[in-house]
């Protein structure tokens, strides 16, 4: 029989995919050792899986399907998108990778005119291609069934031809070591985007703090700014400051 804390752990994982043991302990108000004891029977029963100091829901390690993620923390993502849009002017050139927060950024960018946009996301391309005199370039290749985004060598080769003012990447997870993802191809394209821009930005809502991804995308030194909706934990804030990376918390 599940205890209330077991149920709470499963509900958190259902909403967020995977969470570090430390973050679970903080959320539940218990010690690390207590969380480890609580996770053990869930793991033995096949309900959860332990990964790199974190725990994820069995069968759902990584991120949830794209449309489900669009509904999660929507208000936070909208606030982040508004804060990002304030830093982009009419006529600017922008690269965006696929992600729910970057899709919200694209929706806010409909308030700008004459943008040049490079993306591997069909959602972002559709949002911006037919409005306000924008020029939109979308990377080619096979589109993923869940997100409608293109990946692989052809997408990387395409993106590498451009040089833009702003690169904006999403984050699957963030800890003191930087930005991570759960998918190799998504990590590769995000990493490339950061090399093609004068101003490099990552966007993430607070639920990604303390999570561990499978693939390292970049360290904070590779970013000019992290935009989020809440102040990050002290270890992440200290790492940002040490790297000289600006932190913008959306109002």
Protein backbone atom coordinates (compact mmCIF):
# COMPACT_ATOMS: atom_id res chain seq x y z
CA UNK A 1 0.00 0.00 0.00
CA UNK A 2 1.33 3.44 -0.95
CA UNK A 3 1.91 6.05 1.73
CA UNK A 4 0.94 9.69 1.15
CA UNK A 5 4.58 10.54 0.44
CA UNK A 6 4.84 7.73 -2.11
CA UNK A 7 1.74 9.16 -3.80
CA UNK A 8 3.22 12.67 -3.70
CA UNK A 9 6.44 11.41 -5.33
CA UNK A 10 4.53 9.71 -8.13
CA UNK A 11 2.41 12.83 -8.73
CA UNK A 12 5.52 15.02 -8.98
CA UNK A 13 7.11 12.61 -11.45
CA UNK A 14 3.91 12.36 -13.48
CA UNK A 15 3.96 16.15 -13.90
CA UNK A 16 7.68 16.68 -14.41
CA UNK A 17 9.16 13.48 -15.87
CA UNK A 18 12.28 13.21 -13.71
CA UNK A 19 13.49 15.05 -10.61
CA UNK A 20 16.72 14.94 -8.64
CA UNK A 21 16.72 13.29 -5.22
CA UNK A 22 17.80 16.62 -3.71
CA UNK A 23 14.90 18.47 -5.35
CA UNK A 24 12.43 15.84 -4.15
CA UNK A 25 13.74 16.16 -0.61
CA UNK A 26 13.30 19.93 -0.74
CA UNK A 27 9.81 19.69 -2.24
CA UNK A 28 8.66 17.14 0.34
CA UNK A 29 10.41 18.76 3.28
CA UNK A 30 12.34 15.63 4.26
CA UNK A 31 15.96 14.48 4.27
CA UNK A 32 17.83 12.98 1.32
CA UNK A 33 17.98 9.66 3.17
CA UNK A 34 14.20 9.66 3.68
CA UNK A 35 13.62 10.23 -0.03
CA UNK A 36 16.02 7.39 -0.89
CA UNK A 37 14.12 5.07 1.48
CA UNK A 38 10.79 6.12 -0.05
CA UNK A 39 12.06 5.63 -3.60
CA UNK A 40 13.49 2.17 -2.94
CA UNK A 41 10.16 0.23 -2.75
CA UNK A 42 8.80 2.20 -5.71
CA UNK A 43 11.88 1.23 -7.69
CA UNK A 44 11.65 -2.42 -6.61
CA UNK A 45 7.99 -2.46 -7.68
CA UNK A 46 8.91 -1.09 -11.10
CA UNK A 47 7.02 2.18 -10.61
CA UNK A 48 10.09 4.43 -10.86
CA UNK A 49 13.63 4.29 -12.26
CA UNK A 50 16.77 5.76 -10.67
CA UNK A 51 19.00 7.75 -13.04
CA UNK A 52 22.18 9.70 -12.16
CA UNK A 53 21.11 10.93 -8.74
CA UNK A 54 17.58 11.50 -9.93
CA UNK A 55 14.40 9.48 -10.20
CA UNK A 56 11.95 9.21 -13.08
CA UNK A 57 8.61 7.58 -13.73
CA UNK A 58 9.06 4.12 -15.27
CA UNK A 59 8.24 4.16 -18.98
CA UNK A 60 8.31 7.96 -19.08
CA UNK A 61 11.95 8.85 -18.46
CA UNK A 62 12.66 12.13 -20.21
CA UNK A 63 10.17 14.69 -21.34
CA UNK A 64 6.46 14.23 -21.81
CA UNK A 65 4.91 14.54 -25.30
CA UNK A 66 5.10 18.04 -26.75
CA UNK A 67 1.45 19.02 -26.54
CA UNK A 68 1.19 17.88 -22.93
CA UNK A 69 4.28 19.94 -22.10
CA UNK A 70 2.73 23.01 -23.75
CA UNK A 71 -0.01 22.91 -21.11
CA UNK A 72 2.38 22.54 -18.18
CA UNK A 73 3.45 25.73 -16.37
CA UNK A 74 1.84 27.74 -19.16
CA UNK A 75 1.66 31.01 -17.19
CA UNK A 76 5.35 30.79 -16.31
CA UNK A 77 6.32 30.13 -19.93
CA UNK A 78 4.21 33.05 -21.12
CA UNK A 79 5.92 35.37 -18.61
CA UNK A 80 9.35 34.17 -19.77
CA UNK A 81 8.34 34.69 -23.41
CA UNK A 82 7.23 38.27 -22.70
CA UNK A 83 10.55 39.01 -20.96
CA UNK A 84 12.51 37.65 -23.93
CA UNK A 85 10.45 39.59 -26.45
CA UNK A 86 11.26 42.85 -24.62
CA UNK A 87 14.91 42.28 -25.61
CA UNK A 88 14.19 41.75 -29.33
CA UNK A 89 13.57 44.63 -31.70
CA UNK A 90 11.82 44.91 -35.05
CA UNK A 91 14.14 43.71 -37.81
CA UNK A 92 16.29 41.48 -35.57
CA UNK A 93 17.49 38.01 -36.59
CA UNK A 94 16.64 35.18 -34.22
CA UNK A 95 17.34 31.43 -33.95
CA UNK A 96 15.01 29.26 -31.89
CA UNK A 97 15.22 25.55 -31.22
CA UNK A 98 12.22 23.33 -30.61
CA UNK A 99 10.75 23.44 -27.14
CA UNK A 100 7.57 24.47 -25.40
CA UNK A 101 9.06 27.64 -23.93
CA UNK A 102 10.58 28.67 -27.25
CA UNK A 103 7.17 28.05 -28.85
CA UNK A 104 5.69 30.50 -26.33
CA UNK A 105 8.48 32.94 -27.27
CA UNK A 106 7.45 32.62 -30.92
CA UNK A 107 3.86 33.50 -30.02
CA UNK A 108 5.01 36.63 -28.20
CA UNK A 109 7.27 37.53 -31.13
CA UNK A 110 4.19 38.09 -33.27
CA UNK A 111 4.31 41.56 -31.64
CA UNK A 112 7.53 42.28 -33.60
CA UNK A 113 7.90 43.05 -37.30
CA UNK A 114 10.34 42.14 -40.09
CA UNK A 115 12.13 39.45 -38.11
CA UNK A 116 14.49 36.96 -39.73
CA UNK A 117 13.88 33.64 -38.00
CA UNK A 118 15.85 30.38 -38.27
CA UNK A 119 14.39 27.32 -36.58
CA UNK A 120 14.05 23.54 -36.73
CA UNK A 121 10.52 23.71 -35.28
CA UNK A 122 7.52 23.55 -37.61
CA UNK A 123 5.37 25.00 -34.79
CA UNK A 124 7.59 28.08 -34.53
CA UNK A 125 7.86 28.37 -38.32
CA UNK A 126 4.06 28.28 -38.71
CA UNK A 127 3.61 30.84 -35.95
CA UNK A 128 5.94 33.44 -37.47
CA UNK A 129 6.11 32.76 -41.21
CA UNK A 130 2.92 34.47 -42.34
CA UNK A 131 2.82 37.61 -40.17
CA UNK A 132 4.37 41.07 -40.00
CA UNK A 133 6.72 40.77 -42.95
CA UNK A 134 8.92 38.16 -41.30
CA UNK A 135 11.38 35.95 -43.19
CA UNK A 136 11.43 32.43 -41.76
CA UNK A 137 13.95 29.70 -42.62
CA UNK A 138 13.17 26.20 -41.42
CA UNK A 139 15.72 23.41 -41.27
CA UNK A 140 14.82 20.38 -43.36
CA UNK A 141 14.84 16.68 -42.63
CA UNK A 142 12.46 14.14 -41.16
CA UNK A 143 9.99 15.74 -38.76
CA UNK A 144 9.47 14.16 -35.36
CA UNK A 145 5.94 12.90 -34.84
CA UNK A 146 5.59 14.39 -31.34
CA UNK A 147 7.02 17.88 -31.85
CA UNK A 148 7.04 18.43 -35.62
CA UNK A 149 10.73 19.39 -35.46
CA UNK A 150 13.57 18.46 -37.80
CA UNK A 151 16.82 16.93 -36.59
CA UNK A 152 19.88 15.16 -37.95
CA UNK A 153 22.74 16.12 -40.24
CA UNK A 154 20.65 18.02 -42.77
CA UNK A 155 19.16 20.21 -40.04
CA UNK A 156 22.58 20.86 -38.51
CA UNK A 157 24.12 21.70 -41.88
CA UNK A 158 21.28 24.10 -42.64
CA UNK A 159 21.51 25.98 -39.33
CA UNK A 160 25.31 26.28 -39.61
CA UNK A 161 24.92 28.52 -42.70
CA UNK A 162 23.38 31.38 -40.71
CA UNK A 163 24.74 34.00 -38.35
CA UNK A 164 22.14 35.86 -36.28
CA UNK A 165 21.79 38.36 -33.46
CA UNK A 166 19.90 36.19 -30.96
CA UNK A 167 19.99 32.44 -30.30
CA UNK A 168 17.33 31.19 -27.90
CA UNK A 169 17.42 27.58 -26.73
CA UNK A 170 15.11 25.63 -24.46
CA UNK A 171 16.28 23.45 -21.57
CA UNK A 172 15.18 19.96 -20.59
CA UNK A 173 17.01 20.26 -17.27
CA UNK A 174 19.24 22.74 -15.45
CA UNK A 175 21.67 22.23 -12.58
CA UNK A 176 24.89 23.91 -11.43
CA UNK A 177 26.79 22.33 -14.35
CA UNK A 178 24.60 24.04 -16.95
CA UNK A 179 21.87 23.12 -19.41
CA UNK A 180 20.99 19.50 -20.24
CA UNK A 181 18.54 17.61 -22.40
CA UNK A 182 17.11 14.11 -22.68
CA UNK A 183 17.65 13.68 -26.42
CA UNK A 184 20.99 13.65 -28.24
CA UNK A 185 19.77 15.31 -31.43
CA UNK A 186 17.95 18.08 -29.54
CA UNK A 187 21.11 18.72 -27.53
CA UNK A 188 23.22 18.87 -30.70
CA UNK A 189 21.05 21.47 -32.40
CA UNK A 190 20.76 23.59 -29.27
CA UNK A 191 24.54 23.54 -28.86
CA UNK A 192 25.04 24.57 -32.51
CA UNK A 193 22.58 27.46 -32.29
CA UNK A 194 24.64 29.01 -29.51
CA UNK A 195 27.68 29.19 -31.81
CA UNK A 196 25.79 31.07 -34.53
CA UNK A 197 24.67 34.15 -32.59
CA UNK A 198 25.99 37.33 -31.01
CA UNK A 199 23.67 36.98 -27.98
CA UNK A 200 23.06 33.55 -26.50
CA UNK A 201 20.09 32.84 -24.29
CA UNK A 202 18.48 29.82 -22.61
CA UNK A 203 14.86 29.88 -21.47
CA UNK A 204 13.43 27.60 -18.80
CA UNK A 205 10.69 27.60 -16.20
CA UNK A 206 11.53 26.82 -12.57
CA UNK A 207 10.40 23.18 -12.78
CA UNK A 208 13.60 22.32 -14.69
CA UNK A 209 15.89 23.43 -11.85
CA UNK A 210 17.52 20.52 -10.05
CA UNK A 211 16.66 18.05 -12.79
CA UNK A 212 19.37 15.92 -14.40
CA UNK A 213 19.29 15.37 -18.14
CA UNK A 214 21.05 12.59 -19.98
CA UNK A 215 23.04 14.84 -22.34
CA UNK A 216 25.00 18.00 -21.51
CA UNK A 217 24.09 20.86 -23.86
CA UNK A 218 26.25 23.70 -22.54
CA UNK A 219 27.83 25.25 -19.49
CA UNK A 220 26.68 28.63 -18.24
CA UNK A 221 29.84 30.21 -19.70
CA UNK A 222 28.38 29.39 -23.14
CA UNK A 223 25.36 31.59 -22.39
CA UNK A 224 24.98 35.34 -22.08
CA UNK A 225 21.69 35.06 -20.19
CA UNK A 226 19.31 32.60 -18.55
CA UNK A 227 15.67 33.70 -18.50
CA UNK A 228 13.29 32.02 -16.06
CA UNK A 229 10.21 32.73 -13.95
CA UNK A 230 11.63 32.21 -10.44
CA UNK A 231 14.99 32.69 -8.79
CA UNK A 232 16.97 29.43 -9.11
CA UNK A 233 18.38 27.45 -6.15
CA UNK A 234 21.51 28.92 -4.59
CA UNK A 235 23.92 26.46 -6.25
CA UNK A 236 22.64 27.35 -9.72
CA UNK A 237 22.62 31.08 -8.94
CA UNK A 238 26.24 30.87 -7.74
CA UNK A 239 27.28 28.96 -10.87
CA UNK A 240 25.63 31.57 -13.10
CA UNK A 241 27.44 34.37 -11.28
CA UNK A 242 30.78 32.56 -11.48
CA UNK A 243 30.33 32.11 -15.24
CA UNK A 244 29.41 35.76 -15.75
CA UNK A 245 26.00 34.76 -17.10
CA UNK A 246 23.17 37.22 -16.57
CA UNK A 247 20.01 35.99 -14.85
CA UNK A 248 16.64 37.49 -15.78
CA UNK A 249 13.63 36.52 -13.70
CA UNK A 250 10.41 37.32 -15.56
CA UNK A 251 7.89 39.39 -13.57
